[in-house]
Amino acid sequence: MNKKVLSKDYIPSESEPFMNENQLEYFRKKLLDWKLEIMDGTQDTIKGMQNGTRNIPDAADRASEETDRALELRTRDRQRKLISKIDGALRRIENGEYGYCDVTGEPISLKRLNARPIATMSLEAQAKHERKEKVHRDD
């Protein structure tokens, strides 16, 4: 796929053909920027943990620091999973499948994709899926 150069103020519109070249490039760039931001944060965490290892004599302070580290690691694990979803969305762009609901095959709204560019289901399909999950969880 040839990468198109978009103006900085381009925003996908409902008035243009769905998932045209401009929209695909817009979402590709948005996903790549998001991935880069996450990866930069991960590098900062790694550096902070390497530099932050120190001997803290006070047990309460040490416990607090360990809790902070555990929270940071959980956050980074969630972001690692998010990178996998971003990569999946980028693959769907390359395959021409991006922007369409995995369940219904219908277009996912631009508003939803703008808010959650890794979305794989339309709002209606997602709501139905969540209701079904809730019912099964209550069993």
N, C-alpha and C. Protein backbone atom coordinates (compact mmCIF):
# COMPACT_ATOMS: atom_id res chain seq x y z
N MET A 1 0.84 -1.18 0.00
CA MET A 1 0.00 0.00 0.00
C MET A 1 0.88 1.24 0.00
N ASN A 2 0.63 2.16 -0.93
CA ASN A 2 1.37 3.41 -0.94
C ASN A 2 0.89 4.28 0.19
N LYS A 3 1.82 4.86 0.94
CA LYS A 3 1.48 5.71 2.06
C LYS A 3 1.20 7.11 1.55
N LYS A 4 0.04 7.61 1.85
CA LYS A 4 -0.38 8.94 1.41
C LYS A 4 0.01 9.95 2.48
N VAL A 5 0.37 11.15 2.05
CA VAL A 5 0.70 12.22 2.99
C VAL A 5 -0.56 13.04 3.20
N LEU A 6 -0.97 13.16 4.46
CA LEU A 6 -2.17 13.90 4.81
C LEU A 6 -1.81 15.25 5.39
N SER A 7 -2.71 16.21 5.25
CA SER A 7 -2.49 17.49 5.92
C SER A 7 -2.68 17.25 7.42
N LYS A 8 -2.03 18.07 8.23
CA LYS A 8 -2.06 17.90 9.68
C LYS A 8 -3.46 18.05 10.26
N ASP A 9 -4.32 18.79 9.57
CA ASP A 9 -5.66 19.04 10.12
C ASP A 9 -6.73 18.12 9.53
N TYR A 10 -6.32 17.09 8.80
CA TYR A 10 -7.30 16.16 8.22
C TYR A 10 -7.99 15.36 9.32
N ILE A 11 -9.30 15.26 9.23
CA ILE A 11 -10.10 14.43 10.13
C ILE A 11 -11.08 13.66 9.25
N PRO A 12 -11.16 12.32 9.40
CA PRO A 12 -12.10 11.55 8.59
C PRO A 12 -13.53 12.07 8.75
N SER A 13 -14.26 12.03 7.65
CA SER A 13 -15.62 12.55 7.63
C SER A 13 -16.58 11.50 7.08
N GLU A 14 -17.80 11.53 7.60
CA GLU A 14 -18.85 10.62 7.13
C GLU A 14 -19.23 10.92 5.67
N SER A 15 -18.89 12.11 5.19
CA SER A 15 -19.29 12.51 3.84
C SER A 15 -18.39 11.93 2.75
N GLU A 16 -17.28 11.32 3.14
CA GLU A 16 -16.38 10.72 2.14
C GLU A 16 -16.56 9.20 2.15
N PRO A 17 -16.11 8.53 1.10
CA PRO A 17 -16.24 7.06 1.06
C PRO A 17 -15.55 6.41 2.26
N PHE A 18 -16.23 5.40 2.85
CA PHE A 18 -15.72 4.74 4.05
C PHE A 18 -14.41 4.01 3.76
N MET A 19 -13.44 4.21 4.62
CA MET A 19 -12.11 3.60 4.56
C MET A 19 -11.42 3.84 3.23
N ASN A 20 -11.53 5.09 2.77
CA ASN A 20 -10.79 5.48 1.59
C ASN A 20 -9.31 5.64 1.97
N GLU A 21 -8.50 5.95 1.00
CA GLU A 21 -7.05 6.05 1.20
C GLU A 21 -6.69 7.04 2.32
N ASN A 22 -7.37 8.18 2.36
CA ASN A 22 -7.09 9.19 3.40
C ASN A 22 -7.42 8.65 4.79
N GLN A 23 -8.57 8.02 4.93
CA GLN A 23 -8.97 7.50 6.23
C GLN A 23 -8.03 6.40 6.69
N LEU A 24 -7.67 5.51 5.79
CA LEU A 24 -6.75 4.43 6.15
C LEU A 24 -5.41 4.99 6.62
N GLU A 25 -4.91 5.98 5.91
CA GLU A 25 -3.63 6.59 6.30
C GLU A 25 -3.76 7.32 7.64
N TYR A 26 -4.87 8.00 7.85
CA TYR A 26 -5.13 8.70 9.11
C TYR A 26 -5.07 7.71 10.28
N PHE A 27 -5.78 6.59 10.16
CA PHE A 27 -5.80 5.62 11.25
C PHE A 27 -4.47 4.89 11.38
N ARG A 28 -3.79 4.63 10.28
CA ARG A 28 -2.47 3.99 10.34
C ARG A 28 -1.52 4.87 11.14
N LYS A 29 -1.51 6.17 10.84
CA LYS A 29 -0.63 7.10 11.55
C LYS A 29 -1.02 7.20 13.03
N LYS A 30 -2.31 7.26 13.28
CA LYS A 30 -2.79 7.35 14.66
C LYS A 30 -2.34 6.12 15.47
N LEU A 31 -2.46 4.95 14.89
CA LEU A 31 -2.04 3.71 15.55
C LEU A 31 -0.53 3.67 15.77
N LEU A 32 0.23 4.06 14.75
CA LEU A 32 1.69 4.06 14.89
C LEU A 32 2.16 5.05 15.94
N ASP A 33 1.55 6.23 15.98
CA ASP A 33 1.90 7.23 17.00
C ASP A 33 1.60 6.71 18.40
N TRP A 34 0.45 6.05 18.55
CA TRP A 34 0.04 5.49 19.84
C TRP A 34 1.03 4.42 20.29
N LYS A 35 1.42 3.55 19.34
CA LYS A 35 2.37 2.49 19.65
C LYS A 35 3.72 3.07 20.08
N LEU A 36 4.18 4.08 19.37
CA LEU A 36 5.45 4.72 19.70
C LEU A 36 5.41 5.34 21.10
N GLU A 37 4.30 5.97 21.42
CA GLU A 37 4.12 6.59 22.73
C GLU A 37 4.21 5.54 23.84
N ILE A 38 3.56 4.41 23.63
CA ILE A 38 3.59 3.32 24.61
C ILE A 38 5.01 2.77 24.75
N MET A 39 5.67 2.56 23.62
CA MET A 39 7.03 2.00 23.66
C MET A 39 8.01 2.95 24.34
N ASP A 40 7.84 4.25 24.13
CA ASP A 40 8.69 5.23 24.82
C ASP A 40 8.47 5.15 26.33
N GLY A 41 7.23 5.00 26.75
CA GLY A 41 6.92 4.87 28.17
C GLY A 41 7.52 3.61 28.76
N THR A 42 7.51 2.55 27.99
CA THR A 42 8.10 1.29 28.46
C THR A 42 9.60 1.46 28.68
N GLN A 43 10.26 2.13 27.76
CA GLN A 43 11.70 2.37 27.92
C GLN A 43 11.98 3.20 29.16
N ASP A 44 11.12 4.20 29.42
CA ASP A 44 11.29 5.02 30.62
C ASP A 44 11.14 4.17 31.88
N THR A 45 10.19 3.25 31.86
CA THR A 45 9.97 2.36 33.01
C THR A 45 11.20 1.49 33.24
N ILE A 46 11.72 0.91 32.18
CA ILE A 46 12.90 0.04 32.30
C ILE A 46 14.08 0.81 32.88
N LYS A 47 14.32 2.02 32.34
CA LYS A 47 15.43 2.83 32.85
C LYS A 47 15.21 3.20 34.31
N GLY A 48 13.97 3.56 34.64
CA GLY A 48 13.66 3.94 36.02
C GLY A 48 13.86 2.79 36.98
N MET A 49 13.50 1.59 36.56
CA MET A 49 13.67 0.43 37.44
C MET A 49 15.13 0.05 37.58
N GLN A 50 15.89 0.20 36.51
CA GLN A 50 17.31 -0.11 36.59
C GLN A 50 18.02 0.89 37.49
N ASN A 51 17.65 2.16 37.37
CA ASN A 51 18.29 3.21 38.17
C ASN A 51 17.69 3.29 39.57
N GLY A 52 16.48 2.81 39.73
CA GLY A 52 15.77 2.98 40.99
C GLY A 52 16.02 1.91 42.02
N THR A 53 16.78 0.91 41.69
CA THR A 53 17.04 -0.14 42.66
C THR A 53 17.98 0.41 43.73
N ARG A 54 17.45 0.45 44.94
CA ARG A 54 18.26 0.99 46.03
C ARG A 54 17.86 0.29 47.32
N ASN A 55 18.71 0.39 48.28
CA ASN A 55 18.47 -0.22 49.57
C ASN A 55 17.73 0.78 50.46
N ILE A 56 16.47 0.49 50.74
CA ILE A 56 15.66 1.38 51.58
C ILE A 56 15.50 0.70 52.94
N PRO A 57 16.09 1.28 53.99
CA PRO A 57 16.06 0.63 55.29
C PRO A 57 14.67 0.60 55.94
N ASP A 58 13.85 1.61 55.71
CA ASP A 58 12.53 1.66 56.35
C ASP A 58 11.58 0.68 55.65
N ALA A 59 11.00 -0.23 56.42
CA ALA A 59 10.14 -1.28 55.86
C ALA A 59 8.91 -0.69 55.17
N ALA A 60 8.31 0.33 55.74
CA ALA A 60 7.12 0.94 55.14
C ALA A 60 7.45 1.61 53.82
N ASP A 61 8.58 2.30 53.77
CA ASP A 61 9.01 2.96 52.52
C ASP A 61 9.33 1.92 51.45
N ARG A 62 9.98 0.83 51.87
CA ARG A 62 10.34 -0.24 50.94
C ARG A 62 9.06 -0.89 50.39
N ALA A 63 8.10 -1.15 51.25
CA ALA A 63 6.83 -1.75 50.83
C ALA A 63 6.09 -0.82 49.87
N SER A 64 6.11 0.45 50.16
CA SER A 64 5.45 1.43 49.28
C SER A 64 6.10 1.44 47.91
N GLU A 65 7.44 1.41 47.88
CA GLU A 65 8.14 1.40 46.59
C GLU A 65 7.86 0.11 45.83
N GLU A 66 7.80 -1.02 46.51
CA GLU A 66 7.50 -2.30 45.86
C GLU A 66 6.08 -2.30 45.29
N THR A 67 5.15 -1.70 46.01
CA THR A 67 3.77 -1.59 45.53
C THR A 67 3.72 -0.73 44.27
N ASP A 68 4.45 0.39 44.30
CA ASP A 68 4.51 1.26 43.12
C ASP A 68 5.09 0.52 41.91
N ARG A 69 6.13 -0.25 42.14
CA ARG A 69 6.75 -1.02 41.05
C ARG A 69 5.79 -2.07 40.50
N ALA A 70 5.09 -2.75 41.39
CA ALA A 70 4.14 -3.79 40.95
C ALA A 70 3.03 -3.15 40.10
N LEU A 71 2.56 -2.00 40.53
CA LEU A 71 1.53 -1.29 39.77
C LEU A 71 2.05 -0.88 38.40
N GLU A 72 3.26 -0.37 38.37
CA GLU A 72 3.89 0.04 37.10
C GLU A 72 4.05 -1.16 36.17
N LEU A 73 4.46 -2.30 36.72
CA LEU A 73 4.63 -3.50 35.90
C LEU A 73 3.28 -4.00 35.37
N ARG A 74 2.24 -3.93 36.17
CA ARG A 74 0.90 -4.32 35.71
C ARG A 74 0.43 -3.41 34.58
N THR A 75 0.69 -2.11 34.76
CA THR A 75 0.33 -1.14 33.72
C THR A 75 1.08 -1.45 32.44
N ARG A 76 2.36 -1.73 32.53
CA ARG A 76 3.16 -2.04 31.35
C ARG A 76 2.71 -3.34 30.70
N ASP A 77 2.27 -4.31 31.50
CA ASP A 77 1.77 -5.56 30.93
C ASP A 77 0.50 -5.29 30.13
N ARG A 78 -0.38 -4.44 30.66
CA ARG A 78 -1.59 -4.07 29.94
C ARG A 78 -1.23 -3.38 28.63
N GLN A 79 -0.21 -2.54 28.68
CA GLN A 79 0.20 -1.82 27.48
C GLN A 79 0.86 -2.75 26.47
N ARG A 80 1.53 -3.79 26.95
CA ARG A 80 2.11 -4.79 26.04
C ARG A 80 0.99 -5.47 25.26
N LYS A 81 -0.11 -5.79 25.95
CA LYS A 81 -1.26 -6.40 25.29
C LYS A 81 -1.89 -5.41 24.31
N LEU A 82 -1.87 -4.13 24.68
CA LEU A 82 -2.42 -3.10 23.81
C LEU A 82 -1.60 -2.98 22.52
N ILE A 83 -0.29 -3.10 22.63
CA ILE A 83 0.58 -3.06 21.44
C ILE A 83 0.21 -4.20 20.50
N SER A 84 -0.09 -5.36 21.06
CA SER A 84 -0.51 -6.49 20.23
C SER A 84 -1.79 -6.15 19.48
N LYS A 85 -2.74 -5.49 20.14
CA LYS A 85 -3.98 -5.09 19.48
C LYS A 85 -3.73 -4.01 18.43
N ILE A 86 -2.81 -3.11 18.71
CA ILE A 86 -2.44 -2.08 17.72
C ILE A 86 -1.85 -2.75 16.49
N ASP A 87 -0.95 -3.72 16.71
CA ASP A 87 -0.35 -4.44 15.58
C ASP A 87 -1.43 -5.17 14.76
N GLY A 88 -2.41 -5.72 15.46
CA GLY A 88 -3.52 -6.38 14.76
C GLY A 88 -4.30 -5.39 13.90
N ALA A 89 -4.54 -4.19 14.43
CA ALA A 89 -5.26 -3.16 13.67
C ALA A 89 -4.44 -2.73 12.45
N LEU A 90 -3.13 -2.60 12.62
CA LEU A 90 -2.26 -2.23 11.49
C LEU A 90 -2.29 -3.32 10.41
N ARG A 91 -2.33 -4.59 10.84
CA ARG A 91 -2.44 -5.70 9.87
C ARG A 91 -3.78 -5.62 9.13
N ARG A 92 -4.85 -5.29 9.86
CA ARG A 92 -6.16 -5.18 9.21
C ARG A 92 -6.16 -4.04 8.19
N ILE A 93 -5.44 -2.97 8.47
CA ILE A 93 -5.32 -1.87 7.49
C ILE A 93 -4.64 -2.40 6.23
N GLU A 94 -3.54 -3.10 6.41
CA GLU A 94 -2.79 -3.64 5.26
C GLU A 94 -3.62 -4.64 4.47
N ASN A 95 -4.47 -5.41 5.17
CA ASN A 95 -5.28 -6.45 4.52
C ASN A 95 -6.60 -5.92 3.97
N GLY A 96 -6.89 -4.64 4.21
CA GLY A 96 -8.15 -4.06 3.73
C GLY A 96 -9.36 -4.44 4.57
N GLU A 97 -9.12 -4.91 5.79
CA GLU A 97 -10.21 -5.34 6.67
C GLU A 97 -10.50 -4.32 7.77
N TYR A 98 -9.71 -3.27 7.87
CA TYR A 98 -9.84 -2.32 8.97
C TYR A 98 -11.14 -1.52 8.86
N GLY A 99 -11.76 -1.31 10.01
CA GLY A 99 -12.95 -0.47 10.07
C GLY A 99 -14.25 -1.22 9.93
N TYR A 100 -14.16 -2.53 9.75
CA TYR A 100 -15.37 -3.34 9.59
C TYR A 100 -15.52 -4.27 10.79
N CYS A 101 -16.75 -4.41 11.26
CA CYS A 101 -17.07 -5.23 12.43
C CYS A 101 -16.77 -6.70 12.16
N ASP A 102 -16.05 -7.33 13.09
CA ASP A 102 -15.74 -8.76 12.99
C ASP A 102 -16.99 -9.63 13.05
N VAL A 103 -18.03 -9.14 13.70
CA VAL A 103 -19.25 -9.92 13.90
C VAL A 103 -20.22 -9.75 12.74
N THR A 104 -20.49 -8.50 12.37
CA THR A 104 -21.53 -8.23 11.37
C THR A 104 -20.98 -7.93 9.98
N GLY A 105 -19.71 -7.53 9.91
CA GLY A 105 -19.13 -7.13 8.63
C GLY A 105 -19.49 -5.70 8.23
N GLU A 106 -20.32 -5.06 9.05
CA GLU A 106 -20.74 -3.68 8.78
C GLU A 106 -19.63 -2.70 9.18
N PRO A 107 -19.62 -1.50 8.58
CA PRO A 107 -18.63 -0.49 8.98
C PRO A 107 -18.77 -0.10 10.46
N ILE A 108 -17.65 0.08 11.12
CA ILE A 108 -17.61 0.62 12.48
C ILE A 108 -17.61 2.13 12.32
N SER A 109 -18.38 2.83 13.13
CA SER A 109 -18.47 4.29 12.96
C SER A 109 -17.11 4.96 13.10
N LEU A 110 -16.92 6.03 12.33
CA LEU A 110 -15.67 6.79 12.40
C LEU A 110 -15.48 7.37 13.80
N LYS A 111 -16.58 7.77 14.42
CA LYS A 111 -16.50 8.32 15.78
C LYS A 111 -15.93 7.27 16.74
N ARG A 112 -16.39 6.04 16.63
CA ARG A 112 -15.88 4.95 17.48
C ARG A 112 -14.42 4.65 17.17
N LEU A 113 -14.09 4.57 15.90
CA LEU A 113 -12.70 4.29 15.52
C LEU A 113 -11.76 5.41 15.96
N ASN A 114 -12.24 6.63 15.92
CA ASN A 114 -11.40 7.75 16.37
C ASN A 114 -11.14 7.65 17.86
N ALA A 115 -12.17 7.25 18.62
CA ALA A 115 -12.02 7.12 20.07
C ALA A 115 -11.24 5.86 20.44
N ARG A 116 -11.44 4.78 19.69
CA ARG A 116 -10.79 3.50 19.98
C ARG A 116 -10.35 2.86 18.66
N PRO A 117 -9.20 3.29 18.14
CA PRO A 117 -8.78 2.83 16.81
C PRO A 117 -8.48 1.33 16.71
N ILE A 118 -8.45 0.64 17.84
CA ILE A 118 -8.24 -0.82 17.80
C ILE A 118 -9.55 -1.58 17.81
N ALA A 119 -10.68 -0.87 17.77
CA ALA A 119 -12.00 -1.52 17.82
C ALA A 119 -12.15 -2.53 16.68
N THR A 120 -12.73 -3.67 17.04
CA THR A 120 -12.98 -4.71 16.03
C THR A 120 -14.47 -5.00 15.88
N MET A 121 -15.28 -4.32 16.71
CA MET A 121 -16.72 -4.51 16.63
C MET A 121 -17.43 -3.16 16.63
N SER A 122 -18.57 -3.13 15.96
CA SER A 122 -19.40 -1.93 16.00
C SER A 122 -19.90 -1.76 17.43
N LEU A 123 -20.38 -0.58 17.74
CA LEU A 123 -20.89 -0.30 19.08
C LEU A 123 -22.01 -1.27 19.45
N GLU A 124 -22.90 -1.54 18.50
CA GLU A 124 -24.03 -2.44 18.76
C GLU A 124 -23.54 -3.87 19.03
N ALA A 125 -22.62 -4.35 18.21
CA ALA A 125 -22.09 -5.71 18.39
C ALA A 125 -21.32 -5.81 19.71
N GLN A 126 -20.57 -4.76 20.06
CA GLN A 126 -19.82 -4.75 21.31
C GLN A 126 -20.78 -4.79 22.50
N ALA A 127 -21.84 -3.99 22.45
CA ALA A 127 -22.82 -3.97 23.54
C ALA A 127 -23.48 -5.34 23.70
N LYS A 128 -23.84 -5.95 22.59
CA LYS A 128 -24.46 -7.29 22.62
C LYS A 128 -23.49 -8.31 23.22
N HIS A 129 -22.23 -8.22 22.81
CA HIS A 129 -21.18 -9.11 23.32
C HIS A 129 -21.02 -8.95 24.84
N GLU A 130 -21.01 -7.70 25.30
CA GLU A 130 -20.84 -7.44 26.73
C GLU A 130 -22.06 -7.92 27.53
N ARG A 131 -23.27 -7.74 26.98
CA ARG A 131 -24.47 -8.24 27.66
C ARG A 131 -24.41 -9.76 27.79
N LYS A 132 -23.99 -10.42 26.72
CA LYS A 132 -23.87 -11.87 26.72
C LYS A 132 -22.84 -12.33 27.75
N GLU A 133 -21.69 -11.63 27.82
CA GLU A 133 -20.65 -11.94 28.80
C GLU A 133 -21.18 -11.79 30.22
N LYS A 134 -21.93 -10.72 30.46
CA LYS A 134 -22.49 -10.45 31.78
C LYS A 134 -23.43 -11.56 32.21
N VAL A 135 -24.27 -12.01 31.30
CA VAL A 135 -25.22 -13.09 31.60
C VAL A 135 -24.46 -14.35 31.98
N HIS A 136 -23.41 -14.67 31.23
CA HIS A 136 -22.64 -15.88 31.52
C HIS A 136 -21.83 -15.76 32.80
N ARG A 137 -21.40 -14.56 33.14
CA ARG A 137 -20.65 -14.35 34.38
C ARG A 137 -21.55 -14.55 35.59
N ASP A 138 -22.82 -14.19 35.46
CA ASP A 138 -23.75 -14.29 36.58
C ASP A 138 -24.16 -15.73 36.87
N ASP A 139 -23.86 -16.66 35.96
CA ASP A 139 -24.24 -18.08 36.17
C ASP A 139 -23.48 -18.70 37.31
